[in-house]
Amino acid sequence: MISALRNRPDLWRFVKFLFVGVVNTGFGFAAYAFFLRIVGLDPHLALACAYVIGVMWNFMTHSKVVFHSGSVWRLPLYAITYTVIYSINAFLLEHLISDVGVSDLWAQAILVFPMAMLTFVGVSIVLTGRLPFLGGAK
């Protein structure tokens, strides 16, 4: 099965992204929970701190393990991509907490999967120069 996946580079990359994403998501969510519950920051500041730490962690795992593009020159665009994703996440987090009445921790838990999918598309573009599953694999 793994050899069949390796013959389809985008699919293999997506599978690796999902596995690495579990680790990255756990790391990011743990950082958010740490800043929220242990440090006592409000949800938005906790999210910002978790994102700063998470961007560095995720760049290393994505560039080395998933996309094999270790160029540190891609880090600024990678960080910009995460800033856009952060902004979307923060907007939706505020909406879920304030308008829907979801608790701060559950609100972020609800957003984990949609933000992961958006991240795959953004990171794929930054680290490969193209949309995933379209065109030739690099």
N, C-alpha and C. Protein backbone atom coordinates (compact mmCIF):
# COMPACT_ATOMS: atom_id res chain seq x y z
N MET A 1 0.82 -1.19 0.00
CA MET A 1 0.00 0.00 0.00
C MET A 1 0.87 1.25 0.00
N ILE A 2 1.92 1.25 0.81
CA ILE A 2 2.80 2.42 0.86
C ILE A 2 3.47 2.65 -0.48
N SER A 3 3.88 1.57 -1.15
CA SER A 3 4.51 1.74 -2.47
C SER A 3 3.51 2.30 -3.48
N ALA A 4 2.25 1.90 -3.39
CA ALA A 4 1.22 2.46 -4.27
C ALA A 4 1.03 3.95 -3.99
N LEU A 5 1.07 4.34 -2.74
CA LEU A 5 0.95 5.75 -2.38
C LEU A 5 2.15 6.55 -2.89
N ARG A 6 3.32 5.98 -2.79
CA ARG A 6 4.53 6.68 -3.25
C ARG A 6 4.51 6.92 -4.75
N ASN A 7 3.78 6.11 -5.50
CA ASN A 7 3.64 6.33 -6.94
C ASN A 7 2.71 7.49 -7.26
N ARG A 8 2.01 7.97 -6.27
CA ARG A 8 1.13 9.14 -6.41
C ARG A 8 1.63 10.19 -5.42
N PRO A 9 2.59 11.01 -5.83
CA PRO A 9 3.28 11.91 -4.91
C PRO A 9 2.37 12.84 -4.10
N ASP A 10 1.35 13.42 -4.73
CA ASP A 10 0.47 14.31 -3.97
C ASP A 10 -0.33 13.56 -2.92
N LEU A 11 -0.79 12.37 -3.25
CA LEU A 11 -1.53 11.58 -2.28
C LEU A 11 -0.62 11.15 -1.13
N TRP A 12 0.59 10.70 -1.45
CA TRP A 12 1.56 10.31 -0.43
C TRP A 12 1.88 11.50 0.47
N ARG A 13 2.06 12.68 -0.13
CA ARG A 13 2.34 13.91 0.62
C ARG A 13 1.17 14.23 1.54
N PHE A 14 -0.05 14.05 1.04
CA PHE A 14 -1.24 14.33 1.85
C PHE A 14 -1.31 13.38 3.04
N VAL A 15 -1.03 12.10 2.82
CA VAL A 15 -1.05 11.13 3.91
C VAL A 15 0.00 11.51 4.96
N LYS A 16 1.21 11.85 4.51
CA LYS A 16 2.24 12.28 5.47
C LYS A 16 1.81 13.56 6.19
N PHE A 17 1.18 14.48 5.45
CA PHE A 17 0.69 15.72 6.05
C PHE A 17 -0.31 15.41 7.16
N LEU A 18 -1.19 14.45 6.93
CA LEU A 18 -2.18 14.09 7.95
C LEU A 18 -1.51 13.52 9.20
N PHE A 19 -0.53 12.63 9.01
CA PHE A 19 0.16 12.06 10.16
C PHE A 19 0.94 13.12 10.92
N VAL A 20 1.70 13.93 10.20
CA VAL A 20 2.45 15.00 10.83
C VAL A 20 1.49 16.02 11.44
N GLY A 21 0.36 16.21 10.76
CA GLY A 21 -0.65 17.14 11.26
C GLY A 21 -1.21 16.76 12.61
N VAL A 22 -1.33 15.47 12.85
CA VAL A 22 -1.80 15.02 14.17
C VAL A 22 -0.83 15.48 15.25
N VAL A 23 0.45 15.30 14.98
CA VAL A 23 1.47 15.74 15.94
C VAL A 23 1.45 17.27 16.06
N ASN A 24 1.42 17.97 14.92
CA ASN A 24 1.41 19.43 14.94
C ASN A 24 0.17 19.98 15.63
N THR A 25 -0.97 19.38 15.34
CA THR A 25 -2.22 19.83 15.95
C THR A 25 -2.19 19.60 17.46
N GLY A 26 -1.72 18.44 17.87
CA GLY A 26 -1.59 18.17 19.30
C GLY A 26 -0.67 19.16 19.97
N PHE A 27 0.46 19.45 19.32
CA PHE A 27 1.41 20.43 19.85
C PHE A 27 0.75 21.81 19.96
N GLY A 28 0.10 22.24 18.90
CA GLY A 28 -0.54 23.56 18.89
C GLY A 28 -1.68 23.66 19.89
N PHE A 29 -2.50 22.62 19.96
CA PHE A 29 -3.63 22.65 20.90
C PHE A 29 -3.13 22.61 22.34
N ALA A 30 -2.08 21.83 22.59
CA ALA A 30 -1.49 21.80 23.94
C ALA A 30 -0.91 23.16 24.30
N ALA A 31 -0.28 23.82 23.34
CA ALA A 31 0.26 25.16 23.60
C ALA A 31 -0.89 26.13 23.90
N TYR A 32 -1.97 26.07 23.11
CA TYR A 32 -3.13 26.92 23.36
C TYR A 32 -3.70 26.67 24.75
N ALA A 33 -3.91 25.40 25.10
CA ALA A 33 -4.45 25.05 26.41
C ALA A 33 -3.51 25.51 27.53
N PHE A 34 -2.19 25.36 27.32
CA PHE A 34 -1.20 25.80 28.30
C PHE A 34 -1.32 27.31 28.55
N PHE A 35 -1.33 28.08 27.47
CA PHE A 35 -1.40 29.54 27.63
C PHE A 35 -2.76 29.98 28.17
N LEU A 36 -3.81 29.24 27.84
CA LEU A 36 -5.15 29.57 28.31
C LEU A 36 -5.33 29.20 29.78
N ARG A 37 -5.01 27.96 30.13
CA ARG A 37 -5.32 27.45 31.48
C ARG A 37 -4.18 27.63 32.49
N ILE A 38 -2.96 27.42 32.08
CA ILE A 38 -1.83 27.49 33.02
C ILE A 38 -1.34 28.93 33.19
N VAL A 39 -1.11 29.59 32.05
CA VAL A 39 -0.62 30.96 32.10
C VAL A 39 -1.75 31.93 32.43
N GLY A 40 -2.97 31.60 32.01
CA GLY A 40 -4.13 32.43 32.32
C GLY A 40 -4.41 33.54 31.31
N LEU A 41 -3.93 33.38 30.09
CA LEU A 41 -4.19 34.38 29.06
C LEU A 41 -5.61 34.27 28.54
N ASP A 42 -6.12 35.36 27.97
CA ASP A 42 -7.45 35.27 27.36
C ASP A 42 -7.33 34.46 26.07
N PRO A 43 -8.44 33.96 25.53
CA PRO A 43 -8.37 33.05 24.39
C PRO A 43 -7.61 33.60 23.18
N HIS A 44 -7.77 34.88 22.88
CA HIS A 44 -7.10 35.44 21.71
C HIS A 44 -5.60 35.54 21.89
N LEU A 45 -5.17 35.94 23.07
CA LEU A 45 -3.74 36.03 23.33
C LEU A 45 -3.12 34.63 23.43
N ALA A 46 -3.87 33.69 24.01
CA ALA A 46 -3.40 32.30 24.07
C ALA A 46 -3.24 31.74 22.66
N LEU A 47 -4.20 32.05 21.79
CA LEU A 47 -4.12 31.59 20.40
C LEU A 47 -2.92 32.22 19.69
N ALA A 48 -2.69 33.50 19.92
CA ALA A 48 -1.55 34.18 19.28
C ALA A 48 -0.23 33.55 19.72
N CYS A 49 -0.07 33.31 21.00
CA CYS A 49 1.16 32.70 21.51
C CYS A 49 1.34 31.28 20.95
N ALA A 50 0.27 30.52 20.93
CA ALA A 50 0.33 29.16 20.39
C ALA A 50 0.69 29.19 18.90
N TYR A 51 0.19 30.16 18.17
CA TYR A 51 0.50 30.25 16.74
C TYR A 51 1.96 30.59 16.50
N VAL A 52 2.50 31.51 17.27
CA VAL A 52 3.91 31.88 17.09
C VAL A 52 4.81 30.67 17.28
N ILE A 53 4.59 29.95 18.35
CA ILE A 53 5.37 28.75 18.62
C ILE A 53 5.07 27.67 17.57
N GLY A 54 3.79 27.53 17.24
CA GLY A 54 3.37 26.51 16.29
C GLY A 54 3.92 26.72 14.89
N VAL A 55 4.04 27.96 14.45
CA VAL A 55 4.57 28.23 13.11
C VAL A 55 5.99 27.70 12.99
N MET A 56 6.80 27.95 13.96
CA MET A 56 8.18 27.47 13.92
C MET A 56 8.23 25.94 13.93
N TRP A 57 7.49 25.33 14.82
CA TRP A 57 7.43 23.87 14.92
C TRP A 57 6.92 23.27 13.62
N ASN A 58 5.81 23.81 13.11
CA ASN A 58 5.19 23.28 11.90
C ASN A 58 6.08 23.45 10.67
N PHE A 59 6.78 24.56 10.57
CA PHE A 59 7.68 24.76 9.43
C PHE A 59 8.72 23.64 9.39
N MET A 60 9.26 23.33 10.53
CA MET A 60 10.27 22.27 10.58
C MET A 60 9.68 20.92 10.16
N THR A 61 8.55 20.57 10.70
CA THR A 61 7.97 19.26 10.38
C THR A 61 7.46 19.21 8.94
N HIS A 62 6.80 20.26 8.49
CA HIS A 62 6.29 20.27 7.12
C HIS A 62 7.42 20.28 6.10
N SER A 63 8.39 21.16 6.29
CA SER A 63 9.44 21.28 5.28
C SER A 63 10.36 20.07 5.25
N LYS A 64 10.62 19.46 6.38
CA LYS A 64 11.54 18.31 6.42
C LYS A 64 10.85 16.99 6.15
N VAL A 65 9.73 16.74 6.78
CA VAL A 65 9.09 15.43 6.73
C VAL A 65 8.11 15.30 5.56
N VAL A 66 7.30 16.32 5.32
CA VAL A 66 6.22 16.19 4.34
C VAL A 66 6.65 16.63 2.95
N PHE A 67 7.19 17.84 2.84
CA PHE A 67 7.43 18.43 1.53
C PHE A 67 8.89 18.37 1.09
N HIS A 68 9.78 18.00 1.97
CA HIS A 68 11.22 17.89 1.65
C HIS A 68 11.77 19.14 0.96
N SER A 69 11.38 20.27 1.49
CA SER A 69 11.89 21.54 0.96
C SER A 69 12.45 22.33 2.13
N GLY A 70 13.64 22.00 2.52
CA GLY A 70 14.25 22.55 3.71
C GLY A 70 14.72 23.98 3.60
N SER A 71 14.40 24.66 2.51
CA SER A 71 14.86 26.03 2.33
C SER A 71 14.24 26.96 3.36
N VAL A 72 15.07 27.53 4.18
CA VAL A 72 14.61 28.46 5.20
C VAL A 72 14.13 29.77 4.56
N TRP A 73 14.43 29.97 3.27
CA TRP A 73 13.98 31.17 2.57
C TRP A 73 12.47 31.17 2.39
N ARG A 74 11.84 30.03 2.54
CA ARG A 74 10.39 29.94 2.42
C ARG A 74 9.68 30.28 3.73
N LEU A 75 10.43 30.41 4.79
CA LEU A 75 9.83 30.69 6.10
C LEU A 75 9.01 31.97 6.14
N PRO A 76 9.47 33.10 5.56
CA PRO A 76 8.63 34.31 5.62
C PRO A 76 7.25 34.12 4.97
N LEU A 77 7.21 33.53 3.78
CA LEU A 77 5.92 33.30 3.13
C LEU A 77 5.09 32.28 3.90
N TYR A 78 5.77 31.30 4.47
CA TYR A 78 5.11 30.31 5.32
C TYR A 78 4.46 31.02 6.52
N ALA A 79 5.20 31.93 7.14
CA ALA A 79 4.68 32.68 8.29
C ALA A 79 3.50 33.57 7.88
N ILE A 80 3.58 34.17 6.70
CA ILE A 80 2.47 34.99 6.20
C ILE A 80 1.23 34.12 6.00
N THR A 81 1.43 32.94 5.43
CA THR A 81 0.32 32.01 5.24
C THR A 81 -0.32 31.68 6.58
N TYR A 82 0.49 31.42 7.57
CA TYR A 82 -0.04 31.13 8.90
C TYR A 82 -0.71 32.35 9.53
N THR A 83 -0.26 33.53 9.21
CA THR A 83 -0.90 34.75 9.72
C THR A 83 -2.31 34.88 9.15
N VAL A 84 -2.46 34.58 7.87
CA VAL A 84 -3.79 34.60 7.26
C VAL A 84 -4.67 33.54 7.91
N ILE A 85 -4.14 32.35 8.07
CA ILE A 85 -4.91 31.27 8.70
C ILE A 85 -5.24 31.64 10.15
N TYR A 86 -4.29 32.24 10.84
CA TYR A 86 -4.54 32.71 12.21
C TYR A 86 -5.70 33.70 12.25
N SER A 87 -5.70 34.64 11.31
CA SER A 87 -6.76 35.66 11.28
C SER A 87 -8.13 35.03 11.08
N ILE A 88 -8.20 34.07 10.18
CA ILE A 88 -9.45 33.36 9.96
C ILE A 88 -9.84 32.60 11.22
N ASN A 89 -8.88 31.92 11.84
CA ASN A 89 -9.12 31.16 13.07
C ASN A 89 -9.61 32.08 14.19
N ALA A 90 -8.95 33.22 14.36
CA ALA A 90 -9.32 34.15 15.43
C ALA A 90 -10.74 34.70 15.22
N PHE A 91 -11.06 35.03 13.97
CA PHE A 91 -12.40 35.53 13.66
C PHE A 91 -13.46 34.49 14.00
N LEU A 92 -13.23 33.25 13.57
CA LEU A 92 -14.19 32.18 13.84
C LEU A 92 -14.25 31.83 15.32
N LEU A 93 -13.10 31.89 16.01
CA LEU A 93 -13.06 31.64 17.45
C LEU A 93 -13.93 32.66 18.19
N GLU A 94 -13.77 33.92 17.83
CA GLU A 94 -14.57 34.99 18.44
C GLU A 94 -16.06 34.76 18.19
N HIS A 95 -16.40 34.40 16.97
CA HIS A 95 -17.80 34.15 16.63
C HIS A 95 -18.37 32.99 17.45
N LEU A 96 -17.62 31.90 17.54
CA LEU A 96 -18.11 30.74 18.30
C LEU A 96 -18.27 31.06 19.78
N ILE A 97 -17.34 31.82 20.33
CA ILE A 97 -17.41 32.16 21.76
C ILE A 97 -18.50 33.19 22.03
N SER A 98 -18.47 34.30 21.31
CA SER A 98 -19.36 35.42 21.59
C SER A 98 -20.78 35.23 21.06
N ASP A 99 -20.89 34.80 19.82
CA ASP A 99 -22.20 34.75 19.18
C ASP A 99 -22.92 33.42 19.36
N VAL A 100 -22.17 32.34 19.40
CA VAL A 100 -22.79 31.01 19.50
C VAL A 100 -22.84 30.53 20.95
N GLY A 101 -21.89 31.01 21.78
CA GLY A 101 -21.87 30.64 23.18
C GLY A 101 -21.09 29.37 23.49
N VAL A 102 -20.19 28.99 22.59
CA VAL A 102 -19.35 27.81 22.81
C VAL A 102 -18.22 28.20 23.76
N SER A 103 -17.82 27.31 24.65
CA SER A 103 -16.73 27.61 25.58
C SER A 103 -15.43 27.82 24.81
N ASP A 104 -14.50 28.54 25.42
CA ASP A 104 -13.26 28.90 24.75
C ASP A 104 -12.46 27.68 24.28
N LEU A 105 -12.36 26.66 25.10
CA LEU A 105 -11.61 25.47 24.73
C LEU A 105 -12.33 24.65 23.65
N TRP A 106 -13.63 24.49 23.79
CA TRP A 106 -14.40 23.74 22.79
C TRP A 106 -14.47 24.49 21.46
N ALA A 107 -14.51 25.80 21.53
CA ALA A 107 -14.54 26.58 20.28
C ALA A 107 -13.32 26.28 19.42
N GLN A 108 -12.15 26.25 20.05
CA GLN A 108 -10.94 25.95 19.28
C GLN A 108 -10.92 24.49 18.84
N ALA A 109 -11.44 23.61 19.66
CA ALA A 109 -11.50 22.20 19.27
C ALA A 109 -12.36 22.02 18.02
N ILE A 110 -13.45 22.74 17.91
CA ILE A 110 -14.32 22.68 16.74
C ILE A 110 -13.58 23.14 15.48
N LEU A 111 -12.69 24.10 15.64
CA LEU A 111 -11.99 24.69 14.50
C LEU A 111 -10.76 23.90 14.04
N VAL A 112 -10.35 22.92 14.79
CA VAL A 112 -9.11 22.19 14.47
C VAL A 112 -9.14 21.60 13.06
N PHE A 113 -10.16 20.85 12.71
CA PHE A 113 -10.19 20.19 11.40
C PHE A 113 -10.28 21.17 10.22
N PRO A 114 -11.22 22.13 10.25
CA PRO A 114 -11.27 23.07 9.12
C PRO A 114 -9.98 23.87 8.95
N MET A 115 -9.35 24.24 10.04
CA MET A 115 -8.09 24.98 9.95
C MET A 115 -6.97 24.08 9.42
N ALA A 116 -7.00 22.80 9.75
CA ALA A 116 -6.00 21.86 9.23
C ALA A 116 -6.11 21.72 7.71
N MET A 117 -7.32 21.64 7.20
CA MET A 117 -7.52 21.51 5.75
C MET A 117 -7.07 22.78 5.03
N LEU A 118 -7.42 23.93 5.57
CA LEU A 118 -6.99 25.20 4.99
C LEU A 118 -5.46 25.31 5.03
N THR A 119 -4.88 24.84 6.09
CA THR A 119 -3.42 24.87 6.23
C THR A 119 -2.75 23.98 5.18
N PHE A 120 -3.30 22.80 4.91
CA PHE A 120 -2.70 21.93 3.90
C PHE A 120 -2.61 22.62 2.55
N VAL A 121 -3.68 23.28 2.17
CA VAL A 121 -3.68 23.97 0.88
C VAL A 121 -2.65 25.10 0.89
N GLY A 122 -2.66 25.92 1.92
CA GLY A 122 -1.72 27.04 1.99
C GLY A 122 -0.27 26.60 2.04
N VAL A 123 0.03 25.63 2.86
CA VAL A 123 1.40 25.14 3.01
C VAL A 123 1.86 24.45 1.73
N SER A 124 0.97 23.72 1.09
CA SER A 124 1.32 23.08 -0.19
C SER A 124 1.75 24.13 -1.21
N ILE A 125 1.01 25.21 -1.29
CA ILE A 125 1.35 26.27 -2.24
C ILE A 125 2.71 26.88 -1.91
N VAL A 126 2.93 27.17 -0.63
CA VAL A 126 4.19 27.81 -0.23
C VAL A 126 5.39 26.89 -0.42
N LEU A 127 5.28 25.64 -0.04
CA LEU A 127 6.44 24.75 -0.06
C LEU A 127 6.64 24.00 -1.37
N THR A 128 5.61 23.96 -2.24
CA THR A 128 5.78 23.29 -3.53
C THR A 128 5.58 24.23 -4.71
N GLY A 129 5.00 25.39 -4.47
CA GLY A 129 4.75 26.34 -5.55
C GLY A 129 3.52 26.03 -6.37
N ARG A 130 2.64 25.17 -5.86
CA ARG A 130 1.43 24.82 -6.62
C ARG A 130 0.35 24.29 -5.69
N LEU A 131 -0.87 24.29 -6.21
CA LEU A 131 -1.99 23.70 -5.48
C LEU A 131 -1.82 22.18 -5.45
N PRO A 132 -2.18 21.54 -4.35
CA PRO A 132 -2.07 20.08 -4.32
C PRO A 132 -3.08 19.43 -5.26
N PHE A 133 -2.70 18.31 -5.81
CA PHE A 133 -3.52 17.48 -6.69
C PHE A 133 -3.82 18.11 -8.05
N LEU A 134 -3.19 19.25 -8.35
CA LEU A 134 -3.35 19.87 -9.67
C LEU A 134 -1.98 19.97 -10.32
N GLY A 135 -1.85 19.59 -11.53
CA GLY A 135 -0.57 19.71 -12.23
C GLY A 135 0.40 18.63 -11.81
N GLY A 136 1.62 18.77 -12.29
CA GLY A 136 2.67 17.79 -11.99
C GLY A 136 3.22 17.94 -10.59
N ALA A 137 3.63 16.86 -10.01
CA ALA A 137 4.22 16.87 -8.67
C ALA A 137 5.66 17.34 -8.74
N LYS A 138 6.07 18.05 -7.72
CA LYS A 138 7.47 18.51 -7.62
C LYS A 138 8.16 17.75 -6.51
